[in-house]
Amino acid sequence: MKKFTSREINEFVSRPLFGEKAILKKDKSYHRISIVTISYNQDKFLERTILSVLNQNYPNLEYIIIDGKSTDGSVEIIKKYEKYLAYWISEPDDGQADAINKGFKIATGDIVAWQNSDDIYLPDTFFKVAEEFKKHPDSEVIFGNTYLINENDYILKDMRFIPFSLEHLIYYDWNLSSQAVFWRRELFNKVGYLKNYRVSFDLDWFIRLGKVTRNFRFIRTFLGGYRIHSKSKFSLIKESERNPIFIKIMRENGIGIDESRNWGQQYKLKKLKAFLRKFLWYIAQGDIDYIFKGAIRRLGHGK
């Protein structure tokens, strides 16, 4: 399993490392990959996100940036790289999910993904993903591990996943992260687009995705970085605001939930099953060092 250091990550997103010819070339022997980045007043991190995409040096890239009429320096940063963008716009939107959907409806790639304006991809991610889709043409979704990083690209935690399980995602814990998930664009015909929840729209979409396909392929390597900082949604939106949305998502996806009880105290058998599956996977992969770094702590606590 390829791992990265904080220094390697910082160096990858700190300056242009791409060749102009490679970025502008549209080599049809490679899968066309469409990346949507949504942006709103994140000029502190936006350039690092853009560079994490362009520095892939991927020869058949369609990069789309949807900015929500930022009032900081974001537009100036986007203009700096507009030569390498297939499309960009800065206009008001109806929230994060709405902006992502705008980009997806423009995208023409065989493979699509989104990356928030404060998160990043890791070196060679696009080549790894394209190769997996080529080697396994029946795969509809490919995902890998992510790092939790801070404002300075320092690794706070490695988030290692296991092969996808819909029950695991619903009842136990996240087992994939948008920072490192790619899928075939035609899946939108089955799943539809993201619903416009303020938070957890990704959870809802991945649940719906898991209902229409089992063709997930897990790459046991690190593909992306999820940034935690003082202005991220994770930091700003309180649990009391998240819970009603979470309850609504569960119910709309046919999951019974008792509002009077903590989610961690419901569906205990399903949670235990997911935990054991995760535990046995780590043992089989030789990840003994990782087994007790949070897996047991998560048992029974829910989302």
C-alpha atoms as a PDB file:
ATOM      1  CA  MET A   1       0.000   0.000   0.000  1.00  0.00           C
ATOM      2  CA  LYS A   2       1.582   3.248  -1.174  1.00  0.00           C
ATOM      3  CA  LYS A   3       1.787   5.829   1.598  1.00  0.00           C
ATOM      4  CA  PHE A   4       2.736   9.497   1.499  1.00  0.00           C
ATOM      5  CA  THR A   5       4.423  11.800   3.985  1.00  0.00           C
ATOM      6  CA  SER A   6       3.166  15.249   4.920  1.00  0.00           C
ATOM      7  CA  ARG A   7       6.153  16.746   3.142  1.00  0.00           C
ATOM      8  CA  GLU A   8       5.417  14.858  -0.082  1.00  0.00           C
ATOM      9  CA  ILE A   9       1.805  16.039  -0.011  1.00  0.00           C
ATOM     10  CA  ASN A  10       2.793  19.651   0.633  1.00  0.00           C
ATOM     11  CA  GLU A  11       5.339  19.636  -2.173  1.00  0.00           C
ATOM     12  CA  PHE A  12       2.816  18.167  -4.612  1.00  0.00           C
ATOM     13  CA  VAL A  13       0.243  20.923  -4.073  1.00  0.00           C
ATOM     14  CA  SER A  14       2.527  23.920  -3.502  1.00  0.00           C
ATOM     15  CA  ARG A  15       3.610  24.712  -7.068  1.00  0.00           C
ATOM     16  CA  PRO A  16       2.871  23.756 -10.686  1.00  0.00           C
ATOM     17  CA  LEU A  17       4.513  20.456 -11.574  1.00  0.00           C
ATOM     18  CA  PHE A  18       2.539  19.682 -14.714  1.00  0.00           C
ATOM     19  CA  GLY A  19       3.604  19.867 -18.332  1.00  0.00           C
ATOM     20  CA  GLU A  20       1.429  22.133 -20.429  1.00  0.00           C
ATOM     21  CA  LYS A  21       1.413  19.776 -23.401  1.00  0.00           C
ATOM     22  CA  ALA A  22       0.276  16.865 -21.261  1.00  0.00           C
ATOM     23  CA  ILE A  23      -2.549  18.840 -19.658  1.00  0.00           C
ATOM     24  CA  LEU A  24      -3.849  20.293 -22.920  1.00  0.00           C
ATOM     25  CA  LYS A  25      -3.543  17.037 -24.818  1.00  0.00           C
ATOM     26  CA  LYS A  26      -6.676  14.925 -25.193  1.00  0.00           C
ATOM     27  CA  ASP A  27      -5.307  11.430 -25.696  1.00  0.00           C
ATOM     28  CA  LYS A  28      -8.281   9.200 -26.413  1.00  0.00           C
ATOM     29  CA  SER A  29      -6.303   6.088 -25.516  1.00  0.00           C
ATOM     30  CA  TYR A  30      -6.921   7.139 -21.899  1.00  0.00           C
ATOM     31  CA  HIS A  31     -10.301   7.308 -20.208  1.00  0.00           C
ATOM     32  CA  ARG A  32     -11.602  10.866 -20.190  1.00  0.00           C
ATOM     33  CA  ILE A  33     -11.773  11.949 -16.540  1.00  0.00           C
ATOM     34  CA  SER A  34     -14.012  14.866 -15.562  1.00  0.00           C
ATOM     35  CA  ILE A  35     -13.293  16.552 -12.238  1.00  0.00           C
ATOM     36  CA  VAL A  36     -15.664  19.122 -10.745  1.00  0.00           C
ATOM     37  CA  THR A  37     -14.350  21.495  -8.102  1.00  0.00           C
ATOM     38  CA  ILE A  38     -16.854  23.667  -6.291  1.00  0.00           C
ATOM     39  CA  SER A  39     -15.551  26.845  -4.708  1.00  0.00           C
ATOM     40  CA  TYR A  40     -16.800  29.544  -2.372  1.00  0.00           C
ATOM     41  CA  ASN A  41     -14.471  31.898  -0.488  1.00  0.00           C
ATOM     42  CA  GLN A  42     -11.724  29.329  -0.001  1.00  0.00           C
ATOM     43  CA  ASP A  43      -8.847  31.259  -1.577  1.00  0.00           C
ATOM     44  CA  LYS A  44      -6.543  30.027   1.174  1.00  0.00           C
ATOM     45  CA  PHE A  45      -6.789  26.463  -0.154  1.00  0.00           C
ATOM     46  CA  LEU A  46      -8.220  26.680  -3.672  1.00  0.00           C
ATOM     47  CA  GLU A  47      -4.910  26.870  -5.513  1.00  0.00           C
ATOM     48  CA  ARG A  48      -3.678  23.739  -3.755  1.00  0.00           C
ATOM     49  CA  THR A  49      -6.825  21.914  -4.863  1.00  0.00           C
ATOM     50  CA  ILE A  50      -6.373  23.072  -8.461  1.00  0.00           C
ATOM     51  CA  LEU A  51      -2.715  22.046  -8.461  1.00  0.00           C
ATOM     52  CA  SER A  52      -3.588  18.625  -7.047  1.00  0.00           C
ATOM     53  CA  VAL A  53      -5.704  18.118 -10.175  1.00  0.00           C
ATOM     54  CA  LEU A  54      -3.401  19.640 -12.797  1.00  0.00           C
ATOM     55  CA  ASN A  55      -0.245  18.125 -11.301  1.00  0.00           C
ATOM     56  CA  GLN A  56      -1.647  14.695 -12.111  1.00  0.00           C
ATOM     57  CA  ASN A  57      -0.328  15.386 -15.647  1.00  0.00           C
ATOM     58  CA  TYR A  58      -3.203  13.265 -16.896  1.00  0.00           C
ATOM     59  CA  PRO A  59      -3.482  13.426 -20.710  1.00  0.00           C
ATOM     60  CA  ASN A  60      -7.274  13.308 -21.054  1.00  0.00           C
ATOM     61  CA  LEU A  61      -8.594  15.591 -18.338  1.00  0.00           C
ATOM     62  CA  GLU A  62     -11.736  17.712 -18.283  1.00  0.00           C
ATOM     63  CA  TYR A  63     -11.528  20.104 -15.340  1.00  0.00           C
ATOM     64  CA  ILE A  64     -14.584  22.134 -14.361  1.00  0.00           C
ATOM     65  CA  ILE A  65     -14.724  24.734 -11.585  1.00  0.00           C
ATOM     66  CA  ILE A  66     -18.029  26.082 -10.277  1.00  0.00           C
ATOM     67  CA  ASP A  67     -17.546  29.096  -8.020  1.00  0.00           C
ATOM     68  CA  GLY A  68     -20.422  30.471  -5.956  1.00  0.00           C
ATOM     69  CA  LYS A  69     -19.626  34.160  -6.566  1.00  0.00           C
ATOM     70  CA  SER A  70     -16.710  34.300  -4.141  1.00  0.00           C
ATOM     71  CA  THR A  71     -15.801  37.684  -2.702  1.00  0.00           C
ATOM     72  CA  ASP A  72     -12.230  36.815  -1.720  1.00  0.00           C
ATOM     73  CA  GLY A  73      -9.378  36.094  -4.140  1.00  0.00           C
ATOM     74  CA  SER A  74     -10.812  32.836  -5.502  1.00  0.00           C
ATOM     75  CA  VAL A  75     -11.767  34.166  -8.940  1.00  0.00           C
ATOM     76  CA  GLU A  76      -8.286  35.569  -9.476  1.00  0.00           C
ATOM     77  CA  ILE A  77      -6.823  32.157  -8.653  1.00  0.00           C
ATOM     78  CA  ILE A  78      -9.202  30.440 -11.085  1.00  0.00           C
ATOM     79  CA  LYS A  79      -8.291  32.908 -13.847  1.00  0.00           C
ATOM     80  CA  LYS A  80      -4.629  32.104 -13.273  1.00  0.00           C
ATOM     81  CA  TYR A  81      -5.304  28.534 -14.445  1.00  0.00           C
ATOM     82  CA  GLU A  82      -8.253  29.064 -16.816  1.00  0.00           C
ATOM     83  CA  LYS A  83      -6.170  28.018 -19.831  1.00  0.00           C
ATOM     84  CA  TYR A  84      -6.227  24.479 -18.462  1.00  0.00           C
ATOM     85  CA  LEU A  85      -9.916  24.435 -17.550  1.00  0.00           C
ATOM     86  CA  ALA A  86     -12.664  23.027 -19.742  1.00  0.00           C
ATOM     87  CA  TYR A  87     -15.195  25.334 -18.085  1.00  0.00           C
ATOM     88  CA  TRP A  88     -15.541  27.663 -15.137  1.00  0.00           C
ATOM     89  CA  ILE A  89     -18.111  30.106 -13.851  1.00  0.00           C
ATOM     90  CA  SER A  90     -18.595  32.354 -10.844  1.00  0.00           C
ATOM     91  CA  GLU A  91     -22.229  32.947 -10.003  1.00  0.00           C
ATOM     92  CA  PRO A  92     -24.585  32.519  -7.029  1.00  0.00           C
ATOM     93  CA  ASP A  93     -25.843  29.007  -6.429  1.00  0.00           C
ATOM     94  CA  ASP A  94     -28.227  27.216  -4.098  1.00  0.00           C
ATOM     95  CA  GLY A  95     -25.556  25.550  -1.998  1.00  0.00           C
ATOM     96  CA  GLN A  96     -22.768  23.021  -2.321  1.00  0.00           C
ATOM     97  CA  ALA A  97     -24.775  20.170  -3.830  1.00  0.00           C
ATOM     98  CA  ASP A  98     -26.377  22.505  -6.371  1.00  0.00           C
ATOM     99  CA  ALA A  99     -22.929  23.704  -7.473  1.00  0.00           C
ATOM    100  CA  ILE A 100     -21.610  20.133  -7.824  1.00  0.00           C
ATOM    101  CA  ASN A 101     -24.656  19.168  -9.890  1.00  0.00           C
ATOM    102  CA  LYS A 102     -24.039  22.119 -12.230  1.00  0.00           C
ATOM    103  CA  GLY A 103     -20.600  20.757 -12.936  1.00  0.00           C
ATOM    104  CA  PHE A 104     -21.749  17.166 -13.385  1.00  0.00           C
ATOM    105  CA  LYS A 105     -24.378  18.219 -15.918  1.00  0.00           C
ATOM    106  CA  ILE A 106     -21.636  19.843 -17.995  1.00  0.00           C
ATOM    107  CA  ALA A 107     -19.164  16.950 -17.666  1.00  0.00           C
ATOM    108  CA  THR A 108     -18.535  14.709 -20.675  1.00  0.00           C
ATOM    109  CA  GLY A 109     -15.948  12.300 -19.254  1.00  0.00           C
ATOM    110  CA  ASP A 110     -16.306   8.535 -19.041  1.00  0.00           C
ATOM    111  CA  ILE A 111     -15.244   8.810 -15.396  1.00  0.00           C
ATOM    112  CA  VAL A 112     -16.315  11.606 -13.043  1.00  0.00           C
ATOM    113  CA  ALA A 113     -15.627  12.833  -9.527  1.00  0.00           C
ATOM    114  CA  TRP A 114     -15.779  16.005  -7.480  1.00  0.00           C
ATOM    115  CA  GLN A 115     -13.198  17.609  -5.250  1.00  0.00           C
ATOM    116  CA  ASN A 116     -14.045  20.395  -2.806  1.00  0.00           C
ATOM    117  CA  SER A 117     -11.991  23.587  -2.936  1.00  0.00           C
ATOM    118  CA  ASP A 118     -10.147  22.785   0.282  1.00  0.00           C
ATOM    119  CA  ASP A 119      -9.451  19.095  -0.396  1.00  0.00           C
ATOM    120  CA  ILE A 120      -6.848  17.463  -2.647  1.00  0.00           C
ATOM    121  CA  TYR A 121      -5.860  14.516  -4.788  1.00  0.00           C
ATOM    122  CA  LEU A 122      -2.577  12.707  -4.231  1.00  0.00           C
ATOM    123  CA  PRO A 123       0.146  12.029  -6.844  1.00  0.00           C
ATOM    124  CA  ASP A 124      -0.722   9.634  -9.723  1.00  0.00           C
ATOM    125  CA  THR A 125      -4.300   9.184  -8.551  1.00  0.00           C
ATOM    126  CA  PHE A 126      -5.856   9.618 -12.009  1.00  0.00           C
ATOM    127  CA  PHE A 127      -3.477   7.163 -13.667  1.00  0.00           C
ATOM    128  CA  LYS A 128      -4.155   4.581 -10.948  1.00  0.00           C
ATOM    129  CA  VAL A 129      -7.912   4.993 -11.287  1.00  0.00           C
ATOM    130  CA  ALA A 130      -7.867   4.906 -15.093  1.00  0.00           C
ATOM    131  CA  GLU A 131      -5.744   1.753 -15.045  1.00  0.00           C
ATOM    132  CA  GLU A 132      -8.172   0.044 -12.668  1.00  0.00           C
ATOM    133  CA  PHE A 133     -11.142   0.888 -14.881  1.00  0.00           C
ATOM    134  CA  LYS A 134      -9.210  -0.444 -17.874  1.00  0.00           C
ATOM    135  CA  LYS A 135      -8.220  -3.689 -16.136  1.00  0.00           C
ATOM    136  CA  HIS A 136     -11.681  -4.190 -14.625  1.00  0.00           C
ATOM    137  CA  PRO A 137     -14.232  -2.874 -17.175  1.00  0.00           C
ATOM    138  CA  ASP A 138     -17.147  -4.234 -15.163  1.00  0.00           C
ATOM    139  CA  SER A 139     -16.312  -1.843 -12.311  1.00  0.00           C
ATOM    140  CA  GLU A 140     -18.642   1.135 -12.030  1.00  0.00           C
ATOM    141  CA  VAL A 141     -17.136   2.791  -8.941  1.00  0.00           C
ATOM    142  CA  ILE A 142     -13.495   2.861  -7.861  1.00  0.00           C
ATOM    143  CA  PHE A 143     -12.347   4.294  -4.554  1.00  0.00           C
ATOM    144  CA  GLY A 144      -9.325   4.324  -2.274  1.00  0.00           C
ATOM    145  CA  ASN A 145      -8.061   5.533   1.081  1.00  0.00           C
ATOM    146  CA  THR A 146      -7.759   9.149   2.207  1.00  0.00           C
ATOM    147  CA  TYR A 147      -5.682  11.186   4.600  1.00  0.00           C
ATOM    148  CA  LEU A 148      -7.173  13.617   7.062  1.00  0.00           C
ATOM    149  CA  ILE A 149      -4.980  16.719   6.719  1.00  0.00           C
ATOM    150  CA  ASN A 150      -4.784  20.136   8.366  1.00  0.00           C
ATOM    151  CA  GLU A 151      -4.391  23.669   7.003  1.00  0.00           C
ATOM    152  CA  ASN A 152      -0.710  23.077   6.264  1.00  0.00           C
ATOM    153  CA  ASP A 153      -1.131  19.694   4.514  1.00  0.00           C
ATOM    154  CA  TYR A 154       0.081  17.886   7.614  1.00  0.00           C
ATOM    155  CA  ILE A 155      -1.346  14.374   7.975  1.00  0.00           C
ATOM    156  CA  LEU A 156      -3.570  14.113  11.050  1.00  0.00           C
ATOM    157  CA  LYS A 157      -4.831  10.611  10.395  1.00  0.00           C
ATOM    158  CA  ASP A 158      -4.880   7.966   7.699  1.00  0.00           C
ATOM    159  CA  MET A 159      -8.376   6.764   6.914  1.00  0.00           C
ATOM    160  CA  ARG A 160      -8.142   3.218   5.597  1.00  0.00           C
ATOM    161  CA  PHE A 161     -11.252   1.672   4.144  1.00  0.00           C
ATOM    162  CA  ILE A 162     -12.314  -1.814   3.128  1.00  0.00           C
ATOM    163  CA  PRO A 163     -14.313  -3.151   0.144  1.00  0.00           C
ATOM    164  CA  PHE A 164     -17.679  -1.415  -0.066  1.00  0.00           C
ATOM    165  CA  SER A 165     -20.690  -2.604   1.896  1.00  0.00           C
ATOM    166  CA  LEU A 166     -23.970  -0.696   1.840  1.00  0.00           C
ATOM    167  CA  GLU A 167     -24.899  -1.987   5.309  1.00  0.00           C
ATOM    168  CA  HIS A 168     -21.549  -0.780   6.648  1.00  0.00           C
ATOM    169  CA  LEU A 169     -22.141   2.707   5.236  1.00  0.00           C
ATOM    170  CA  ILE A 170     -25.667   2.965   6.586  1.00  0.00           C
ATOM    171  CA  TYR A 171     -25.364   1.378   9.997  1.00  0.00           C
ATOM    172  CA  TYR A 172     -21.757   1.610  11.088  1.00  0.00           C
ATOM    173  CA  ASP A 173     -19.364   4.130   9.566  1.00  0.00           C
ATOM    174  CA  TRP A 174     -18.136   5.825   6.409  1.00  0.00           C
ATOM    175  CA  ASN A 175     -16.412   3.255   4.208  1.00  0.00           C
ATOM    176  CA  LEU A 176     -15.562   5.591   1.357  1.00  0.00           C
ATOM    177  CA  SER A 177     -14.887   9.327   1.078  1.00  0.00           C
ATOM    178  CA  SER A 178     -15.722  11.710  -1.773  1.00  0.00           C
ATOM    179  CA  GLN A 179     -12.098  12.879  -1.860  1.00  0.00           C
ATOM    180  CA  ALA A 180     -11.130   9.493  -3.301  1.00  0.00           C
ATOM    181  CA  VAL A 181     -14.144   8.140  -5.231  1.00  0.00           C
ATOM    182  CA  PHE A 182     -14.544   7.947  -9.036  1.00  0.00           C
ATOM    183  CA  TRP A 183     -17.450   6.499 -11.003  1.00  0.00           C
ATOM    184  CA  ARG A 184     -18.808   6.028 -14.503  1.00  0.00           C
ATOM    185  CA  ARG A 185     -20.849   9.016 -15.620  1.00  0.00           C
ATOM    186  CA  GLU A 186     -23.748   6.890 -16.865  1.00  0.00           C
ATOM    187  CA  LEU A 187     -24.543   6.016 -13.243  1.00  0.00           C
ATOM    188  CA  PHE A 188     -26.318   9.370 -13.010  1.00  0.00           C
ATOM    189  CA  ASN A 189     -29.012   7.816 -15.216  1.00  0.00           C
ATOM    190  CA  LYS A 190     -29.674   5.266 -12.459  1.00  0.00           C
ATOM    191  CA  VAL A 191     -29.009   7.306  -9.319  1.00  0.00           C
ATOM    192  CA  GLY A 192     -29.885  10.845 -10.313  1.00  0.00           C
ATOM    193  CA  TYR A 193     -27.876  13.794  -9.017  1.00  0.00           C
ATOM    194  CA  LEU A 194     -27.113  14.988  -5.502  1.00  0.00           C
ATOM    195  CA  LYS A 195     -29.997  16.164  -3.338  1.00  0.00           C
ATOM    196  CA  ASN A 196     -29.615  19.665  -2.011  1.00  0.00           C
ATOM    197  CA  TYR A 197     -29.119  19.011   1.693  1.00  0.00           C
ATOM    198  CA  ARG A 198     -26.945  21.487   3.532  1.00  0.00           C
ATOM    199  CA  VAL A 199     -24.788  18.633   4.843  1.00  0.00           C
ATOM    200  CA  SER A 200     -24.604  14.859   4.304  1.00  0.00           C
ATOM    201  CA  PHE A 201     -25.711  15.091   0.674  1.00  0.00           C
ATOM    202  CA  ASP A 202     -22.709  12.883  -0.074  1.00  0.00           C
ATOM    203  CA  LEU A 203     -23.916  10.256   2.401  1.00  0.00           C
ATOM    204  CA  ASP A 204     -27.339  10.264   0.756  1.00  0.00           C
ATOM    205  CA  TRP A 205     -25.873   9.977  -2.740  1.00  0.00           C
ATOM    206  CA  PHE A 206     -23.506   7.144  -1.826  1.00  0.00           C
ATOM    207  CA  ILE A 207     -26.383   5.250  -0.189  1.00  0.00           C
ATOM    208  CA  ARG A 208     -28.443   5.649  -3.353  1.00  0.00           C
ATOM    209  CA  LEU A 209     -25.424   4.651  -5.422  1.00  0.00           C
ATOM    210  CA  GLY A 210     -24.972   1.499  -3.332  1.00  0.00           C
ATOM    211  CA  LYS A 211     -28.578   0.559  -3.980  1.00  0.00           C
ATOM    212  CA  VAL A 212     -28.244   0.543  -7.766  1.00  0.00           C
ATOM    213  CA  THR A 213     -24.829  -1.108  -8.176  1.00  0.00           C
ATOM    214  CA  ARG A 214     -22.596  -3.561  -6.358  1.00  0.00           C
ATOM    215  CA  ASN A 215     -19.770  -3.012  -8.842  1.00  0.00           C
ATOM    216  CA  PHE A 216     -17.506  -1.117  -6.442  1.00  0.00           C
ATOM    217  CA  ARG A 217     -13.765  -1.722  -6.621  1.00  0.00           C
ATOM    218  CA  PHE A 218     -11.513  -0.745  -3.737  1.00  0.00           C
ATOM    219  CA  ILE A 219      -7.893   0.278  -4.374  1.00  0.00           C
ATOM    220  CA  ARG A 220      -5.812  -0.322  -1.285  1.00  0.00           C
ATOM    221  CA  THR A 221      -3.809   2.893  -1.628  1.00  0.00           C
ATOM    222  CA  PHE A 222      -4.211   6.569  -0.747  1.00  0.00           C
ATOM    223  CA  LEU A 223      -5.860   8.709  -3.414  1.00  0.00           C
ATOM    224  CA  GLY A 224      -7.022  11.909  -1.696  1.00  0.00           C
ATOM    225  CA  GLY A 225      -6.806  14.270   1.242  1.00  0.00           C
ATOM    226  CA  TYR A 226      -9.724  15.565   3.315  1.00  0.00           C
ATOM    227  CA  ARG A 227      -8.830  18.872   4.939  1.00  0.00           C
ATOM    228  CA  ILE A 228     -10.078  19.849   8.399  1.00  0.00           C
ATOM    229  CA  HIS A 229      -9.827  23.535   9.272  1.00  0.00           C
ATOM    230  CA  SER A 230     -11.670  26.234  11.196  1.00  0.00           C
ATOM    231  CA  LYS A 231     -13.888  27.260   8.264  1.00  0.00           C
ATOM    232  CA  SER A 232     -14.816  23.810   6.988  1.00  0.00           C
ATOM    233  CA  LYS A 233     -18.404  22.607   7.229  1.00  0.00           C
ATOM    234  CA  PHE A 234     -17.244  19.874   9.558  1.00  0.00           C
ATOM    235  CA  SER A 235     -16.057  22.556  11.987  1.00  0.00           C
ATOM    236  CA  LEU A 236     -18.854  25.107  11.535  1.00  0.00           C
ATOM    237  CA  ILE A 237     -22.063  23.047  11.470  1.00  0.00           C
ATOM    238  CA  LYS A 238     -23.107  21.720  14.852  1.00  0.00           C
ATOM    239  CA  GLU A 239     -24.296  18.192  15.482  1.00  0.00           C
ATOM    240  CA  SER A 240     -27.701  19.572  16.484  1.00  0.00           C
ATOM    241  CA  GLU A 241     -28.059  20.916  12.936  1.00  0.00           C
ATOM    242  CA  ARG A 242     -26.775  17.731  11.342  1.00  0.00           C
ATOM    243  CA  ASN A 243     -29.017  15.267  13.169  1.00  0.00           C
ATOM    244  CA  PRO A 244     -32.391  16.276  11.642  1.00  0.00           C
ATOM    245  CA  ILE A 245     -30.844  16.042   8.164  1.00  0.00           C
ATOM    246  CA  PHE A 246     -29.341  12.650   8.964  1.00  0.00           C
ATOM    247  CA  ILE A 247     -32.735  11.383  10.193  1.00  0.00           C
ATOM    248  CA  LYS A 248     -34.443  12.637   7.035  1.00  0.00           C
ATOM    249  CA  ILE A 249     -31.849  10.966   4.804  1.00  0.00           C
ATOM    250  CA  MET A 250     -32.209   7.646   6.618  1.00  0.00           C
ATOM    251  CA  ARG A 251     -35.984   7.706   6.370  1.00  0.00           C
ATOM    252  CA  GLU A 252     -36.006   8.710   2.700  1.00  0.00           C
ATOM    253  CA  ASN A 253     -33.743   5.728   2.021  1.00  0.00           C
ATOM    254  CA  GLY A 254     -36.099   3.356   3.826  1.00  0.00           C
ATOM    255  CA  ILE A 255     -34.129   3.065   7.075  1.00  0.00           C
ATOM    256  CA  GLY A 256     -36.251   3.039  10.222  1.00  0.00           C
ATOM    257  CA  ILE A 257     -34.922   5.334  12.915  1.00  0.00           C
ATOM    258  CA  ASP A 258     -36.149   6.067  16.426  1.00  0.00           C
ATOM    259  CA  GLU A 259     -35.581   9.774  17.164  1.00  0.00           C
ATOM    260  CA  SER A 260     -35.867   9.203  20.897  1.00  0.00           C
ATOM    261  CA  ARG A 261     -32.769   6.967  20.937  1.00  0.00           C
ATOM    262  CA  ASN A 262     -29.154   7.571  20.056  1.00  0.00           C
ATOM    263  CA  TRP A 263     -28.369   6.227  16.587  1.00  0.00           C
ATOM    264  CA  GLY A 264     -25.473   4.249  18.022  1.00  0.00           C
ATOM    265  CA  GLN A 265     -27.907   2.281  20.166  1.00  0.00           C
ATOM    266  CA  GLN A 266     -30.013   1.193  17.189  1.00  0.00           C
ATOM    267  CA  TYR A 267     -29.350  -1.721  14.810  1.00  0.00           C
ATOM    268  CA  LYS A 268     -26.662  -3.114  17.124  1.00  0.00           C
ATOM    269  CA  LEU A 269     -26.480  -6.477  15.347  1.00  0.00           C
ATOM    270  CA  LYS A 270     -25.881  -4.821  11.980  1.00  0.00           C
ATOM    271  CA  LYS A 271     -23.209  -2.600  13.557  1.00  0.00           C
ATOM    272  CA  LEU A 272     -21.534  -5.617  15.105  1.00  0.00           C
ATOM    273  CA  LYS A 273     -21.589  -7.452  11.760  1.00  0.00           C
ATOM    274  CA  ALA A 274     -19.973  -4.470  10.028  1.00  0.00           C
ATOM    275  CA  PHE A 275     -17.362  -4.145  12.755  1.00  0.00           C
ATOM    276  CA  LEU A 276     -16.396  -7.824  12.530  1.00  0.00           C
ATOM    277  CA  ARG A 277     -16.164  -7.622   8.745  1.00  0.00           C
ATOM    278  CA  LYS A 278     -13.851  -4.612   9.045  1.00  0.00           C
ATOM    279  CA  PHE A 279     -11.809  -6.284  11.786  1.00  0.00           C
ATOM    280  CA  LEU A 280     -11.291  -9.461   9.753  1.00  0.00           C
ATOM    281  CA  TRP A 281     -10.371  -7.475   6.644  1.00  0.00           C
ATOM    282  CA  TYR A 282      -7.583  -5.643   8.476  1.00  0.00           C
ATOM    283  CA  ILE A 283      -6.258  -8.915   9.872  1.00  0.00           C
ATOM    284  CA  ALA A 284      -6.254 -10.478   6.391  1.00  0.00           C
ATOM    285  CA  GLN A 285      -4.359  -7.494   4.988  1.00  0.00           C
ATOM    286  CA  GLY A 286      -1.817  -7.484   7.786  1.00  0.00           C
ATOM    287  CA  ASP A 287      -2.940  -4.096   9.105  1.00  0.00           C
ATOM    288  CA  ILE A 288      -2.496  -5.173  12.716  1.00  0.00           C
ATOM    289  CA  ASP A 289      -1.248  -1.712  13.682  1.00  0.00           C
ATOM    290  CA  TYR A 290      -4.487  -0.165  12.475  1.00  0.00           C
ATOM    291  CA  ILE A 291      -7.011  -2.521  14.018  1.00  0.00           C
ATOM    292  CA  PHE A 292      -7.070  -0.917  17.447  1.00  0.00           C
ATOM    293  CA  LYS A 293      -6.650   2.712  16.311  1.00  0.00           C
ATOM    294  CA  GLY A 294     -10.288   3.637  16.398  1.00  0.00           C
ATOM    295  CA  ALA A 295     -12.099   0.572  15.099  1.00  0.00           C
ATOM    296  CA  ILE A 296     -13.133  -0.633  18.545  1.00  0.00           C
ATOM    297  CA  ARG A 297     -13.813   2.915  19.698  1.00  0.00           C
ATOM    298  CA  ARG A 298     -16.284   3.329  16.837  1.00  0.00           C
ATOM    299  CA  LEU A 299     -18.270   0.222  17.732  1.00  0.00           C
ATOM    300  CA  GLY A 300     -21.778   1.238  18.725  1.00  0.00           C
ATOM    301  CA  HIS A 301     -21.277   5.008  18.374  1.00  0.00           C
ATOM    302  CA  GLY A 302     -22.814   5.498  14.926  1.00  0.00           C
ATOM    303  CA  LYS A 303     -22.193   8.563  12.788  1.00  0.00           C
END
